[in-house]
Amino acid sequence: MWQAMNMLLRDSAEYLNESKVGCMMDLRPISEINEEYLSPRVINTHYRLDVLPQEFRRSRTVLGTCHMV
């Protein structure tokens, strides 16, 4: 899903060679991700929507969810 979202964001079908771990909110503080990756960016997480920081609801953020059952 992370690769597909990045392809849509870049308007390119080219595979991104970066690891999604760099944008993994579960592993790094959001402040570090914001400093390292320019906006707009795709942030990866396993968190449920209701436990994400409030800043996601206040800003111009597009959230896409994919839940594997």
PDB file of N, CA and C in Angstrom:
ATOM      1  N   MET A   1       0.818  -1.181   0.000  1.00  0.00           N
ATOM      2  CA  MET A   1       0.000   0.000   0.000  1.00  0.00           C
ATOM      3  C   MET A   1       0.870   1.256   0.000  1.00  0.00           C
ATOM      4  N   TRP A   2       1.966   1.251   0.778  1.00  0.00           N
ATOM      5  CA  TRP A   2       2.855   2.406   0.851  1.00  0.00           C
ATOM      6  C   TRP A   2       3.442   2.739  -0.515  1.00  0.00           C
ATOM      7  N   GLN A   3       3.873   1.714  -1.244  1.00  0.00           N
ATOM      8  CA  GLN A   3       4.412   1.931  -2.586  1.00  0.00           C
ATOM      9  C   GLN A   3       3.356   2.526  -3.513  1.00  0.00           C
ATOM     10  N   ALA A   4       2.143   1.987  -3.468  1.00  0.00           N
ATOM     11  CA  ALA A   4       1.059   2.473  -4.337  1.00  0.00           C
ATOM     12  C   ALA A   4       0.724   3.926  -4.028  1.00  0.00           C
ATOM     13  N   MET A   5       0.670   4.285  -2.750  1.00  0.00           N
ATOM     14  CA  MET A   5       0.375   5.675  -2.376  1.00  0.00           C
ATOM     15  C   MET A   5       1.474   6.621  -2.855  1.00  0.00           C
ATOM     16  N   ASN A   6       2.735   6.206  -2.754  1.00  0.00           N
ATOM     17  CA  ASN A   6       3.834   7.037  -3.248  1.00  0.00           C
ATOM     18  C   ASN A   6       3.785   7.193  -4.767  1.00  0.00           C
ATOM     19  N   MET A   7       3.428   6.134  -5.468  1.00  0.00           N
ATOM     20  CA  MET A   7       3.307   6.218  -6.922  1.00  0.00           C
ATOM     21  C   MET A   7       2.215   7.204  -7.312  1.00  0.00           C
ATOM     22  N   LEU A   8       1.086   7.160  -6.622  1.00  0.00           N
ATOM     23  CA  LEU A   8       0.001   8.102  -6.895  1.00  0.00           C
ATOM     24  C   LEU A   8       0.422   9.530  -6.573  1.00  0.00           C
ATOM     25  N   LEU A   9       1.112   9.718  -5.491  1.00  0.00           N
ATOM     26  CA  LEU A   9       1.564  11.038  -5.074  1.00  0.00           C
ATOM     27  C   LEU A   9       2.542  11.634  -6.079  1.00  0.00           C
ATOM     28  N   ARG A  10       3.428  10.810  -6.626  1.00  0.00           N
ATOM     29  CA  ARG A  10       4.430  11.262  -7.588  1.00  0.00           C
ATOM     30  C   ARG A  10       3.933  11.238  -9.024  1.00  0.00           C
ATOM     31  N   ASP A  11       2.739  10.681  -9.238  1.00  0.00           N
ATOM     32  CA  ASP A  11       2.184  10.535 -10.588  1.00  0.00           C
ATOM     33  C   ASP A  11       3.143   9.756 -11.484  1.00  0.00           C
ATOM     34  N   SER A  12       3.649   8.647 -10.928  1.00  0.00           N
ATOM     35  CA  SER A  12       4.612   7.815 -11.625  1.00  0.00           C
ATOM     36  C   SER A  12       4.438   6.368 -11.185  1.00  0.00           C
ATOM     37  N   ALA A  13       4.583   5.450 -12.122  1.00  0.00           N
ATOM     38  CA  ALA A  13       4.481   4.031 -11.797  1.00  0.00           C
ATOM     39  C   ALA A  13       5.836   3.435 -11.426  1.00  0.00           C
ATOM     40  N   GLU A  14       6.843   4.278 -11.309  1.00  0.00           N
ATOM     41  CA  GLU A  14       8.186   3.816 -10.971  1.00  0.00           C
ATOM     42  C   GLU A  14       8.252   3.390  -9.506  1.00  0.00           C
ATOM     43  N   TYR A  15       8.836   2.215  -9.270  1.00  0.00           N
ATOM     44  CA  TYR A  15       8.991   1.657  -7.934  1.00  0.00           C
ATOM     45  C   TYR A  15       9.987   2.483  -7.139  1.00  0.00           C
ATOM     46  N   LEU A  16       9.640   2.820  -5.913  1.00  0.00           N
ATOM     47  CA  LEU A  16      10.503   3.592  -5.037  1.00  0.00           C
ATOM     48  C   LEU A  16      11.458   2.641  -4.321  1.00  0.00           C
ATOM     49  N   ASN A  17      12.753   2.909  -4.379  1.00  0.00           N
ATOM     50  CA  ASN A  17      13.750   2.025  -3.773  1.00  0.00           C
ATOM     51  C   ASN A  17      13.965   2.276  -2.287  1.00  0.00           C
ATOM     52  N   GLU A  18      13.327   3.296  -1.727  1.00  0.00           N
ATOM     53  CA  GLU A  18      13.455   3.586  -0.304  1.00  0.00           C
ATOM     54  C   GLU A  18      12.665   2.565   0.514  1.00  0.00           C
ATOM     55  N   SER A  19      13.090   2.374   1.739  1.00  0.00           N
ATOM     56  CA  SER A  19      12.366   1.500   2.651  1.00  0.00           C
ATOM     57  C   SER A  19      11.249   2.283   3.313  1.00  0.00           C
ATOM     58  N   LYS A  20      10.098   1.658   3.474  1.00  0.00           N
ATOM     59  CA  LYS A  20       8.981   2.331   4.129  1.00  0.00           C
ATOM     60  C   LYS A  20       9.205   2.497   5.625  1.00  0.00           C
ATOM     61  N   VAL A  21      10.212   1.837   6.169  1.00  0.00           N
ATOM     62  CA  VAL A  21      10.507   1.925   7.601  1.00  0.00           C
ATOM     63  C   VAL A  21      10.859   3.361   7.996  1.00  0.00           C
ATOM     64  N   GLY A  22      11.464   4.115   7.096  1.00  0.00           N
ATOM     65  CA  GLY A  22      11.813   5.501   7.384  1.00  0.00           C
ATOM     66  C   GLY A  22      10.610   6.367   7.683  1.00  0.00           C
ATOM     67  N   CYS A  23       9.474   6.017   7.125  1.00  0.00           N
ATOM     68  CA  CYS A  23       8.234   6.773   7.340  1.00  0.00           C
ATOM     69  C   CYS A  23       7.270   6.026   8.255  1.00  0.00           C
ATOM     70  N   MET A  24       7.787   5.112   9.039  1.00  0.00           N
ATOM     71  CA  MET A  24       6.940   4.292   9.914  1.00  0.00           C
ATOM     72  C   MET A  24       6.713   5.009  11.235  1.00  0.00           C
ATOM     73  N   MET A  25       5.511   5.538  11.430  1.00  0.00           N
ATOM     74  CA  MET A  25       5.188   6.295  12.628  1.00  0.00           C
ATOM     75  C   MET A  25       5.276   5.432  13.882  1.00  0.00           C
ATOM     76  N   ASP A  26       5.143   4.142  13.762  1.00  0.00           N
ATOM     77  CA  ASP A  26       5.233   3.247  14.918  1.00  0.00           C
ATOM     78  C   ASP A  26       6.660   3.195  15.471  1.00  0.00           C
ATOM     79  N   LEU A  27       7.652   3.498  14.630  1.00  0.00           N
ATOM     80  CA  LEU A  27       9.051   3.326  14.997  1.00  0.00           C
ATOM     81  C   LEU A  27       9.804   4.628  15.244  1.00  0.00           C
ATOM     82  N   ARG A  28       9.277   5.743  14.746  1.00  0.00           N
ATOM     83  CA  ARG A  28       9.982   7.028  14.841  1.00  0.00           C
ATOM     84  C   ARG A  28       9.019   8.127  15.266  1.00  0.00           C
ATOM     85  N   PRO A  29       9.508   9.137  15.953  1.00  0.00           N
ATOM     86  CA  PRO A  29       8.649  10.277  16.283  1.00  0.00           C
ATOM     87  C   PRO A  29       8.213  11.003  15.002  1.00  0.00           C
ATOM     88  N   ILE A  30       6.992  11.493  14.999  1.00  0.00           N
ATOM     89  CA  ILE A  30       6.468  12.185  13.817  1.00  0.00           C
ATOM     90  C   ILE A  30       7.309  13.413  13.477  1.00  0.00           C
ATOM     91  N   SER A  31       7.912  14.042  14.481  1.00  0.00           N
ATOM     92  CA  SER A  31       8.755  15.222  14.230  1.00  0.00           C
ATOM     93  C   SER A  31       9.971  14.865  13.373  1.00  0.00           C
ATOM     94  N   GLU A  32      10.548  13.694  13.598  1.00  0.00           N
ATOM     95  CA  GLU A  32      11.685  13.245  12.776  1.00  0.00           C
ATOM     96  C   GLU A  32      11.253  12.980  11.342  1.00  0.00           C
ATOM     97  N   ILE A  33      10.116  12.360  11.174  1.00  0.00           N
ATOM     98  CA  ILE A  33       9.609  12.067   9.832  1.00  0.00           C
ATOM     99  C   ILE A  33       9.335  13.369   9.090  1.00  0.00           C
ATOM    100  N   ASN A  34       8.724  14.344   9.779  1.00  0.00           N
ATOM    101  CA  ASN A  34       8.428  15.630   9.154  1.00  0.00           C
ATOM    102  C   ASN A  34       9.690  16.357   8.718  1.00  0.00           C
ATOM    103  N   GLU A  35      10.765  16.242   9.491  1.00  0.00           N
ATOM    104  CA  GLU A  35      12.031  16.890   9.143  1.00  0.00           C
ATOM    105  C   GLU A  35      12.717  16.211   7.965  1.00  0.00           C
ATOM    106  N   GLU A  36      12.647  14.892   7.919  1.00  0.00           N
ATOM    107  CA  GLU A  36      13.386  14.132   6.906  1.00  0.00           C
ATOM    108  C   GLU A  36      12.666  14.054   5.560  1.00  0.00           C
ATOM    109  N   TYR A  37      11.339  13.980   5.572  1.00  0.00           N
ATOM    110  CA  TYR A  37      10.575  13.797   4.340  1.00  0.00           C
ATOM    111  C   TYR A  37       9.743  15.040   4.057  1.00  0.00           C
ATOM    112  N   LEU A  38       9.902  15.571   2.857  1.00  0.00           N
ATOM    113  CA  LEU A  38       9.179  16.776   2.471  1.00  0.00           C
ATOM    114  C   LEU A  38       7.696  16.495   2.284  1.00  0.00           C
ATOM    115  N   SER A  39       6.894  17.511   2.517  1.00  0.00           N
ATOM    116  CA  SER A  39       5.456  17.408   2.295  1.00  0.00           C
ATOM    117  C   SER A  39       5.179  17.645   0.815  1.00  0.00           C
ATOM    118  N   PRO A  40       4.252  16.956   0.229  1.00  0.00           N
ATOM    119  CA  PRO A  40       3.407  15.913   0.788  1.00  0.00           C
ATOM    120  C   PRO A  40       4.178  14.596   0.914  1.00  0.00           C
ATOM    121  N   ARG A  41       3.853  13.835   1.925  1.00  0.00           N
ATOM    122  CA  ARG A  41       4.561  12.590   2.206  1.00  0.00           C
ATOM    123  C   ARG A  41       3.566  11.498   2.599  1.00  0.00           C
ATOM    124  N   VAL A  42       3.989  10.281   2.446  1.00  0.00           N
ATOM    125  CA  VAL A  42       3.190   9.130   2.853  1.00  0.00           C
ATOM    126  C   VAL A  42       3.793   8.609   4.154  1.00  0.00           C
ATOM    127  N   ILE A  43       2.976   8.561   5.193  1.00  0.00           N
ATOM    128  CA  ILE A  43       3.421   8.062   6.485  1.00  0.00           C
ATOM    129  C   ILE A  43       2.763   6.711   6.721  1.00  0.00           C
ATOM    130  N   ASN A  44       3.565   5.757   7.106  1.00  0.00           N
ATOM    131  CA  ASN A  44       3.097   4.394   7.303  1.00  0.00           C
ATOM    132  C   ASN A  44       2.864   4.128   8.791  1.00  0.00           C
ATOM    133  N   THR A  45       1.799   3.418   9.117  1.00  0.00           N
ATOM    134  CA  THR A  45       1.528   3.083  10.510  1.00  0.00           C
ATOM    135  C   THR A  45       0.619   1.864  10.618  1.00  0.00           C
ATOM    136  N   HIS A  46       0.671   1.233  11.769  1.00  0.00           N
ATOM    137  CA  HIS A  46      -0.272   0.166  12.090  1.00  0.00           C
ATOM    138  C   HIS A  46      -1.309   0.639  13.095  1.00  0.00           C
ATOM    139  N   TYR A  47      -1.224   1.914  13.498  1.00  0.00           N
ATOM    140  CA  TYR A  47      -2.164   2.461  14.474  1.00  0.00           C
ATOM    141  C   TYR A  47      -3.567   2.561  13.895  1.00  0.00           C
ATOM    142  N   ARG A  48      -4.557   2.423  14.774  1.00  0.00           N
ATOM    143  CA  ARG A  48      -5.940   2.681  14.370  1.00  0.00           C
ATOM    144  C   ARG A  48      -6.136   4.181  14.244  1.00  0.00           C
ATOM    145  N   LEU A  49      -7.100   4.579  13.441  1.00  0.00           N
ATOM    146  CA  LEU A  49      -7.374   5.989  13.198  1.00  0.00           C
ATOM    147  C   LEU A  49      -7.676   6.750  14.487  1.00  0.00           C
ATOM    148  N   ASP A  50      -8.360   6.134  15.414  1.00  0.00           N
ATOM    149  CA  ASP A  50      -8.757   6.843  16.637  1.00  0.00           C
ATOM    150  C   ASP A  50      -7.603   7.089  17.606  1.00  0.00           C
ATOM    151  N   VAL A  51      -6.444   6.495  17.381  1.00  0.00           N
ATOM    152  CA  VAL A  51      -5.308   6.741  18.271  1.00  0.00           C
ATOM    153  C   VAL A  51      -4.216   7.591  17.616  1.00  0.00           C
ATOM    154  N   LEU A  52      -4.449   8.058  16.393  1.00  0.00           N
ATOM    155  CA  LEU A  52      -3.493   8.944  15.745  1.00  0.00           C
ATOM    156  C   LEU A  52      -3.499  10.305  16.432  1.00  0.00           C
ATOM    157  N   PRO A  53      -2.383  11.043  16.380  1.00  0.00           N
ATOM    158  CA  PRO A  53      -2.328  12.360  17.009  1.00  0.00           C
ATOM    159  C   PRO A  53      -3.409  13.298  16.454  1.00  0.00           C
ATOM    160  N   GLN A  54      -3.879  14.199  17.298  1.00  0.00           N
ATOM    161  CA  GLN A  54      -4.917  15.151  16.912  1.00  0.00           C
ATOM    162  C   GLN A  54      -4.482  16.038  15.748  1.00  0.00           C
ATOM    163  N   GLU A  55      -3.181  16.275  15.580  1.00  0.00           N
ATOM    164  CA  GLU A  55      -2.708  17.137  14.497  1.00  0.00           C
ATOM    165  C   GLU A  55      -3.130  16.615  13.122  1.00  0.00           C
ATOM    166  N   PHE A  56      -3.391  15.321  13.019  1.00  0.00           N
ATOM    167  CA  PHE A  56      -3.841  14.765  11.746  1.00  0.00           C
ATOM    168  C   PHE A  56      -5.258  15.225  11.412  1.00  0.00           C
ATOM    169  N   ARG A  57      -6.027  15.501  12.421  1.00  0.00           N
ATOM    170  CA  ARG A  57      -7.402  15.945  12.189  1.00  0.00           C
ATOM    171  C   ARG A  57      -7.488  17.453  11.974  1.00  0.00           C
ATOM    172  N   ARG A  58      -6.509  18.214  12.465  1.00  0.00           N
ATOM    173  CA  ARG A  58      -6.525  19.672  12.353  1.00  0.00           C
ATOM    174  C   ARG A  58      -5.891  20.165  11.058  1.00  0.00           C
ATOM    175  N   SER A  59      -5.014  19.402  10.476  1.00  0.00           N
ATOM    176  CA  SER A  59      -4.293  19.859   9.285  1.00  0.00           C
ATOM    177  C   SER A  59      -4.959  19.344   8.013  1.00  0.00           C
ATOM    178  N   ARG A  60      -4.394  19.780   6.910  1.00  0.00           N
ATOM    179  CA  ARG A  60      -4.884  19.306   5.613  1.00  0.00           C
ATOM    180  C   ARG A  60      -4.229  17.963   5.313  1.00  0.00           C
ATOM    181  N   THR A  61      -4.715  16.952   5.941  1.00  0.00           N
ATOM    182  CA  THR A  61      -4.142  15.615   5.832  1.00  0.00           C
ATOM    183  C   THR A  61      -5.135  14.687   5.149  1.00  0.00           C
ATOM    184  N   VAL A  62      -4.619  13.906   4.216  1.00  0.00           N
ATOM    185  CA  VAL A  62      -5.442  12.879   3.583  1.00  0.00           C
ATOM    186  C   VAL A  62      -5.042  11.556   4.201  1.00  0.00           C
ATOM    187  N   LEU A  63      -6.023  10.862   4.752  1.00  0.00           N
ATOM    188  CA  LEU A  63      -5.754   9.578   5.383  1.00  0.00           C
ATOM    189  C   LEU A  63      -6.324   8.454   4.517  1.00  0.00           C
ATOM    190  N   GLY A  64      -5.492   7.488   4.248  1.00  0.00           N
ATOM    191  CA  GLY A  64      -5.963   6.288   3.559  1.00  0.00           C
ATOM    192  C   GLY A  64      -5.749   5.113   4.490  1.00  0.00           C
ATOM    193  N   THR A  65      -6.727   4.284   4.609  1.00  0.00           N
ATOM    194  CA  THR A  65      -6.583   3.142   5.507  1.00  0.00           C
ATOM    195  C   THR A  65      -6.741   1.843   4.737  1.00  0.00           C
ATOM    196  N   CYS A  66      -5.953   0.882   5.127  1.00  0.00           N
ATOM    197  CA  CYS A  66      -6.038  -0.456   4.561  1.00  0.00           C
ATOM    198  C   CYS A  66      -5.977  -1.422   5.724  1.00  0.00           C
ATOM    199  N   HIS A  67      -7.029  -2.125   5.951  1.00  0.00           N
ATOM    200  CA  HIS A  67      -7.114  -3.011   7.114  1.00  0.00           C
ATOM    201  C   HIS A  67      -7.200  -4.459   6.623  1.00  0.00           C
ATOM    202  N   MET A  68      -6.189  -5.248   6.949  1.00  0.00           N
ATOM    203  CA  MET A  68      -6.181  -6.650   6.559  1.00  0.00           C
ATOM    204  C   MET A  68      -6.869  -7.460   7.647  1.00  0.00           C
ATOM    205  N   VAL A  69      -7.824  -8.259   7.257  1.00  0.00           N
ATOM    206  CA  VAL A  69      -8.568  -9.066   8.222  1.00  0.00           C
ATOM    207  C   VAL A  69      -8.213 -10.517   8.053  1.00  0.00           C
TER     208      VAL A  69
END
